[in-house]
Amino acid sequence: MNENEKSERQTIESWLEEADAYVREDIPENVLEEAQRIIYGDREKTYGSPSKNLQVIAEMWNAYLGNEACLTAQDVCVMMILLKAARLKNTPGHRDSVVDICGYAALMERCDK
C-alpha cells in the first residue's frame, strides 16, 4: 500500500469513528456496555490485572477470616455481587449497583483466563 492509499484509508477510518461517535451520542449506554467500559478501562488502568487484584483481595479476606478460609478471586466476585444485590434490596432502582453486578460477573470470566 502506497502513502496515498494509507492516507486515504486513515481519513476514511477517521470519518467512520466520528460517525460512530455521533450516532452513539444519541443512544444511551446500557448497563452491560457501561460495565464493560469500566472493567476494561479506568479500573484496569488504576488497579491492574483484575485477576491479580481480586486474588490479593481474596488473600487479605482469608487472612482476616483465619486459617480455615480459602477464598478465591472468583469468590470475591460472587461476594461482591451479593453485596451489590443486598444494596439493591434497599434501593432497587440504583443503576450503579446493577452495573457493578454485571462488572463482577464479567470479571469472574476474566479470572478463568
N, C-alpha and C. Protein backbone atom coordinates (compact mmCIF):
# COMPACT_ATOMS: atom_id res chain seq x y z
N MET A 1 0.86 -1.17 0.00
CA MET A 1 0.00 0.00 0.00
C MET A 1 0.91 1.24 0.00
N ASN A 2 0.66 2.14 -0.97
CA ASN A 2 1.49 3.34 -1.04
C ASN A 2 1.00 4.41 -0.05
N GLU A 3 1.74 5.50 0.04
CA GLU A 3 1.44 6.55 1.03
C GLU A 3 0.07 7.19 0.80
N ASN A 4 -0.31 7.38 -0.46
CA ASN A 4 -1.63 7.95 -0.77
C ASN A 4 -2.75 7.04 -0.27
N GLU A 5 -2.60 5.75 -0.51
CA GLU A 5 -3.62 4.78 -0.07
C GLU A 5 -3.70 4.74 1.46
N LYS A 6 -2.54 4.80 2.11
CA LYS A 6 -2.52 4.81 3.58
C LYS A 6 -3.24 6.05 4.12
N SER A 7 -2.94 7.19 3.55
CA SER A 7 -3.56 8.44 3.98
C SER A 7 -5.07 8.40 3.76
N GLU A 8 -5.47 7.91 2.59
CA GLU A 8 -6.89 7.80 2.27
C GLU A 8 -7.60 6.85 3.24
N ARG A 9 -6.97 5.74 3.53
CA ARG A 9 -7.55 4.76 4.46
C ARG A 9 -7.69 5.37 5.86
N GLN A 10 -6.66 6.10 6.31
CA GLN A 10 -6.72 6.74 7.63
C GLN A 10 -7.85 7.77 7.68
N THR A 11 -8.02 8.51 6.58
CA THR A 11 -9.10 9.50 6.52
C THR A 11 -10.46 8.82 6.62
N ILE A 12 -10.64 7.75 5.89
CA ILE A 12 -11.92 7.01 5.92
C ILE A 12 -12.17 6.44 7.31
N GLU A 13 -11.13 5.85 7.92
CA GLU A 13 -11.28 5.30 9.27
C GLU A 13 -11.64 6.40 10.27
N SER A 14 -11.04 7.57 10.11
CA SER A 14 -11.33 8.69 10.99
C SER A 14 -12.79 9.13 10.83
N TRP A 15 -13.27 9.21 9.60
CA TRP A 15 -14.66 9.57 9.35
C TRP A 15 -15.61 8.56 9.98
N LEU A 16 -15.28 7.28 9.83
CA LEU A 16 -16.13 6.23 10.40
C LEU A 16 -16.18 6.33 11.92
N GLU A 17 -15.05 6.60 12.55
CA GLU A 17 -15.02 6.77 14.00
C GLU A 17 -15.87 7.96 14.44
N GLU A 18 -15.76 9.06 13.71
CA GLU A 18 -16.55 10.25 14.03
C GLU A 18 -18.04 9.97 13.87
N ALA A 19 -18.39 9.28 12.79
CA ALA A 19 -19.80 8.95 12.53
C ALA A 19 -20.34 8.03 13.62
N ASP A 20 -19.54 7.06 14.03
CA ASP A 20 -19.95 6.14 15.09
C ASP A 20 -20.16 6.89 16.40
N ALA A 21 -19.24 7.79 16.72
CA ALA A 21 -19.37 8.59 17.94
C ALA A 21 -20.61 9.46 17.89
N TYR A 22 -20.90 10.05 16.72
CA TYR A 22 -22.07 10.90 16.57
C TYR A 22 -23.35 10.10 16.78
N VAL A 23 -23.42 8.93 16.16
CA VAL A 23 -24.61 8.08 16.29
C VAL A 23 -24.76 7.62 17.73
N ARG A 24 -23.67 7.24 18.38
CA ARG A 24 -23.70 6.72 19.74
C ARG A 24 -24.11 7.79 20.76
N GLU A 25 -23.89 9.08 20.44
CA GLU A 25 -24.27 10.13 21.38
C GLU A 25 -25.75 10.10 21.70
N ASP A 26 -26.55 9.71 20.73
CA ASP A 26 -28.00 9.71 20.90
C ASP A 26 -28.53 8.42 21.52
N ILE A 27 -27.67 7.41 21.61
CA ILE A 27 -28.10 6.11 22.15
C ILE A 27 -27.49 5.95 23.54
N PRO A 28 -28.32 5.88 24.56
CA PRO A 28 -27.76 5.73 25.91
C PRO A 28 -27.04 4.39 26.07
N GLU A 29 -26.00 4.41 26.85
CA GLU A 29 -25.22 3.21 27.14
C GLU A 29 -26.03 2.32 28.07
N ASN A 30 -26.13 1.02 27.75
CA ASN A 30 -26.85 0.12 28.65
C ASN A 30 -25.90 -0.36 29.76
N VAL A 31 -26.45 -1.04 30.75
CA VAL A 31 -25.64 -1.42 31.92
C VAL A 31 -24.51 -2.37 31.54
N LEU A 32 -24.72 -3.23 30.57
CA LEU A 32 -23.66 -4.15 30.16
C LEU A 32 -22.52 -3.39 29.48
N GLU A 33 -22.87 -2.45 28.62
CA GLU A 33 -21.84 -1.64 27.96
C GLU A 33 -21.06 -0.80 28.97
N GLU A 34 -21.78 -0.23 29.92
CA GLU A 34 -21.12 0.58 30.94
C GLU A 34 -20.17 -0.27 31.78
N ALA A 35 -20.62 -1.45 32.18
CA ALA A 35 -19.77 -2.35 32.96
C ALA A 35 -18.52 -2.73 32.17
N GLN A 36 -18.71 -3.04 30.90
CA GLN A 36 -17.56 -3.42 30.07
C GLN A 36 -16.58 -2.26 29.93
N ARG A 37 -17.09 -1.07 29.72
CA ARG A 37 -16.23 0.11 29.59
C ARG A 37 -15.43 0.32 30.88
N ILE A 38 -16.08 0.12 32.01
CA ILE A 38 -15.42 0.34 33.30
C ILE A 38 -14.34 -0.72 33.56
N ILE A 39 -14.69 -2.00 33.39
CA ILE A 39 -13.71 -3.04 33.77
C ILE A 39 -12.55 -3.15 32.79
N TYR A 40 -12.75 -2.70 31.55
CA TYR A 40 -11.65 -2.72 30.59
C TYR A 40 -10.97 -1.36 30.46
N GLY A 41 -11.47 -0.36 31.16
CA GLY A 41 -10.93 0.99 31.04
C GLY A 41 -10.25 1.46 32.30
N ASP A 42 -10.89 2.42 32.96
CA ASP A 42 -10.28 3.08 34.11
C ASP A 42 -9.88 2.13 35.23
N ARG A 43 -10.75 1.17 35.54
CA ARG A 43 -10.45 0.26 36.66
C ARG A 43 -9.18 -0.54 36.40
N GLU A 44 -9.06 -1.03 35.17
CA GLU A 44 -7.87 -1.82 34.86
C GLU A 44 -6.62 -0.93 34.85
N LYS A 45 -6.75 0.29 34.35
CA LYS A 45 -5.62 1.21 34.36
C LYS A 45 -5.21 1.54 35.79
N THR A 46 -6.19 1.68 36.67
CA THR A 46 -5.91 2.06 38.06
C THR A 46 -5.40 0.89 38.88
N TYR A 47 -6.07 -0.27 38.78
CA TYR A 47 -5.79 -1.39 39.68
C TYR A 47 -5.03 -2.53 39.03
N GLY A 48 -4.79 -2.47 37.74
CA GLY A 48 -4.05 -3.53 37.05
C GLY A 48 -4.93 -4.72 36.72
N SER A 49 -4.30 -5.83 36.50
CA SER A 49 -4.99 -7.06 36.12
C SER A 49 -6.07 -7.41 37.14
N PRO A 50 -7.32 -7.58 36.68
CA PRO A 50 -8.38 -7.89 37.64
C PRO A 50 -8.15 -9.20 38.37
N SER A 51 -7.65 -10.21 37.69
CA SER A 51 -7.46 -11.50 38.37
C SER A 51 -6.42 -11.37 39.48
N LYS A 52 -5.36 -10.61 39.24
CA LYS A 52 -4.35 -10.41 40.28
C LYS A 52 -4.92 -9.59 41.43
N ASN A 53 -5.63 -8.52 41.12
CA ASN A 53 -6.20 -7.66 42.15
C ASN A 53 -7.23 -8.41 42.98
N LEU A 54 -8.08 -9.18 42.34
CA LEU A 54 -9.10 -9.95 43.07
C LEU A 54 -8.45 -11.04 43.92
N GLN A 55 -7.34 -11.61 43.44
CA GLN A 55 -6.64 -12.62 44.23
C GLN A 55 -6.03 -12.00 45.49
N VAL A 56 -5.49 -10.80 45.36
CA VAL A 56 -4.96 -10.09 46.53
C VAL A 56 -6.08 -9.85 47.54
N ILE A 57 -7.23 -9.43 47.06
CA ILE A 57 -8.39 -9.23 47.95
C ILE A 57 -8.74 -10.54 48.64
N ALA A 58 -8.79 -11.64 47.88
CA ALA A 58 -9.11 -12.95 48.46
C ALA A 58 -8.09 -13.31 49.55
N GLU A 59 -6.81 -13.08 49.29
CA GLU A 59 -5.78 -13.40 50.28
C GLU A 59 -5.94 -12.55 51.55
N MET A 60 -6.29 -11.29 51.38
CA MET A 60 -6.49 -10.43 52.55
C MET A 60 -7.73 -10.86 53.33
N TRP A 61 -8.80 -11.22 52.63
CA TRP A 61 -10.01 -11.70 53.30
C TRP A 61 -9.73 -13.03 54.01
N ASN A 62 -8.95 -13.90 53.37
CA ASN A 62 -8.57 -15.17 54.00
C ASN A 62 -7.80 -14.92 55.30
N ALA A 63 -6.87 -13.98 55.26
CA ALA A 63 -6.10 -13.66 56.47
C ALA A 63 -7.02 -13.13 57.56
N TYR A 64 -7.96 -12.31 57.19
CA TYR A 64 -8.90 -11.75 58.16
C TYR A 64 -9.78 -12.85 58.75
N LEU A 65 -10.24 -13.77 57.91
CA LEU A 65 -11.15 -14.83 58.36
C LEU A 65 -10.43 -15.94 59.13
N GLY A 66 -9.15 -16.07 58.93
CA GLY A 66 -8.39 -17.08 59.66
C GLY A 66 -7.93 -18.21 58.77
N ASN A 67 -7.22 -19.17 59.37
CA ASN A 67 -6.57 -20.25 58.63
C ASN A 67 -7.53 -21.14 57.85
N GLU A 68 -8.76 -21.29 58.31
CA GLU A 68 -9.69 -22.20 57.63
C GLU A 68 -10.25 -21.63 56.33
N ALA A 69 -10.08 -20.34 56.08
CA ALA A 69 -10.63 -19.70 54.88
C ALA A 69 -9.77 -20.02 53.66
N CYS A 70 -10.42 -20.22 52.54
CA CYS A 70 -9.68 -20.46 51.29
C CYS A 70 -10.45 -19.84 50.11
N LEU A 71 -10.73 -18.56 50.22
CA LEU A 71 -11.44 -17.85 49.18
C LEU A 71 -10.57 -17.66 47.95
N THR A 72 -11.21 -17.61 46.79
CA THR A 72 -10.51 -17.37 45.52
C THR A 72 -10.94 -16.03 44.96
N ALA A 73 -10.30 -15.64 43.87
CA ALA A 73 -10.68 -14.41 43.18
C ALA A 73 -12.15 -14.50 42.73
N GLN A 74 -12.57 -15.67 42.27
CA GLN A 74 -13.97 -15.85 41.87
C GLN A 74 -14.91 -15.69 43.06
N ASP A 75 -14.50 -16.17 44.22
CA ASP A 75 -15.31 -15.99 45.43
C ASP A 75 -15.49 -14.50 45.74
N VAL A 76 -14.43 -13.74 45.55
CA VAL A 76 -14.52 -12.29 45.78
C VAL A 76 -15.58 -11.69 44.86
N CYS A 77 -15.58 -12.10 43.59
CA CYS A 77 -16.59 -11.60 42.64
C CYS A 77 -17.99 -11.95 43.11
N VAL A 78 -18.20 -13.20 43.51
CA VAL A 78 -19.53 -13.63 43.96
C VAL A 78 -19.94 -12.84 45.20
N MET A 79 -19.03 -12.67 46.13
CA MET A 79 -19.37 -11.96 47.36
C MET A 79 -19.67 -10.49 47.08
N MET A 80 -18.98 -9.90 46.12
CA MET A 80 -19.27 -8.51 45.76
C MET A 80 -20.62 -8.42 45.05
N ILE A 81 -20.96 -9.42 44.24
CA ILE A 81 -22.28 -9.46 43.61
C ILE A 81 -23.36 -9.52 44.70
N LEU A 82 -23.13 -10.35 45.71
CA LEU A 82 -24.09 -10.46 46.82
C LEU A 82 -24.22 -9.13 47.57
N LEU A 83 -23.10 -8.45 47.78
CA LEU A 83 -23.13 -7.15 48.44
C LEU A 83 -23.98 -6.17 47.63
N LYS A 84 -23.75 -6.14 46.32
CA LYS A 84 -24.50 -5.23 45.45
C LYS A 84 -25.98 -5.60 45.43
N ALA A 85 -26.28 -6.90 45.45
CA ALA A 85 -27.68 -7.34 45.49
C ALA A 85 -28.35 -6.90 46.78
N ALA A 86 -27.62 -6.97 47.89
CA ALA A 86 -28.17 -6.51 49.17
C ALA A 86 -28.47 -5.01 49.11
N ARG A 87 -27.60 -4.27 48.47
CA ARG A 87 -27.84 -2.83 48.33
C ARG A 87 -29.07 -2.56 47.46
N LEU A 88 -29.25 -3.39 46.43
CA LEU A 88 -30.42 -3.22 45.56
C LEU A 88 -31.72 -3.47 46.31
N LYS A 89 -31.67 -4.31 47.34
CA LYS A 89 -32.87 -4.55 48.13
C LYS A 89 -33.34 -3.26 48.79
N ASN A 90 -32.40 -2.43 49.20
CA ASN A 90 -32.74 -1.15 49.83
C ASN A 90 -33.04 -0.05 48.81
N THR A 91 -32.34 -0.08 47.69
CA THR A 91 -32.54 0.94 46.65
C THR A 91 -32.64 0.24 45.29
N PRO A 92 -33.80 -0.35 44.98
CA PRO A 92 -33.96 -1.17 43.78
C PRO A 92 -33.63 -0.48 42.46
N GLY A 93 -33.78 0.79 42.37
CA GLY A 93 -33.53 1.49 41.11
C GLY A 93 -32.12 2.01 40.95
N HIS A 94 -31.22 1.66 41.86
CA HIS A 94 -29.86 2.22 41.82
C HIS A 94 -29.04 1.57 40.70
N ARG A 95 -28.87 2.30 39.63
CA ARG A 95 -28.21 1.79 38.42
C ARG A 95 -26.77 1.34 38.68
N ASP A 96 -26.03 2.07 39.48
CA ASP A 96 -24.62 1.73 39.73
C ASP A 96 -24.47 0.32 40.28
N SER A 97 -25.38 -0.09 41.15
CA SER A 97 -25.29 -1.45 41.71
C SER A 97 -25.51 -2.50 40.63
N VAL A 98 -26.44 -2.22 39.72
CA VAL A 98 -26.70 -3.16 38.61
C VAL A 98 -25.47 -3.23 37.70
N VAL A 99 -24.90 -2.08 37.40
CA VAL A 99 -23.68 -2.04 36.57
C VAL A 99 -22.57 -2.82 37.26
N ASP A 100 -22.40 -2.63 38.55
CA ASP A 100 -21.35 -3.34 39.30
C ASP A 100 -21.57 -4.84 39.29
N ILE A 101 -22.82 -5.28 39.42
CA ILE A 101 -23.11 -6.72 39.36
C ILE A 101 -22.68 -7.27 38.00
N CYS A 102 -23.01 -6.57 36.94
CA CYS A 102 -22.58 -7.00 35.60
C CYS A 102 -21.06 -7.04 35.50
N GLY A 103 -20.42 -6.03 36.06
CA GLY A 103 -18.97 -5.98 36.01
C GLY A 103 -18.31 -7.12 36.76
N TYR A 104 -18.81 -7.42 37.96
CA TYR A 104 -18.22 -8.53 38.73
C TYR A 104 -18.47 -9.88 38.06
N ALA A 105 -19.63 -10.02 37.42
CA ALA A 105 -19.90 -11.27 36.68
C ALA A 105 -18.91 -11.41 35.52
N ALA A 106 -18.65 -10.33 34.82
CA ALA A 106 -17.69 -10.37 33.72
C ALA A 106 -16.28 -10.62 34.24
N LEU A 107 -15.94 -10.06 35.39
CA LEU A 107 -14.60 -10.27 35.95
C LEU A 107 -14.39 -11.74 36.34
N MET A 108 -15.46 -12.42 36.73
CA MET A 108 -15.32 -13.86 37.04
C MET A 108 -14.77 -14.61 35.84
N GLU A 109 -15.29 -14.29 34.67
CA GLU A 109 -14.82 -14.94 33.46
C GLU A 109 -13.36 -14.59 33.19
N ARG A 110 -12.99 -13.35 33.43
CA ARG A 110 -11.61 -12.93 33.20
C ARG A 110 -10.64 -13.61 34.15
N CYS A 111 -11.11 -13.98 35.34
CA CYS A 111 -10.25 -14.68 36.30
C CYS A 111 -9.91 -16.09 35.82
N ASP A 112 -10.78 -16.65 34.98
CA ASP A 112 -10.55 -18.00 34.49
C ASP A 112 -9.50 -18.05 33.38
N LYS A 113 -9.14 -16.90 32.87
CA LYS A 113 -8.21 -16.86 31.71
C LYS A 113 -6.79 -16.73 32.16
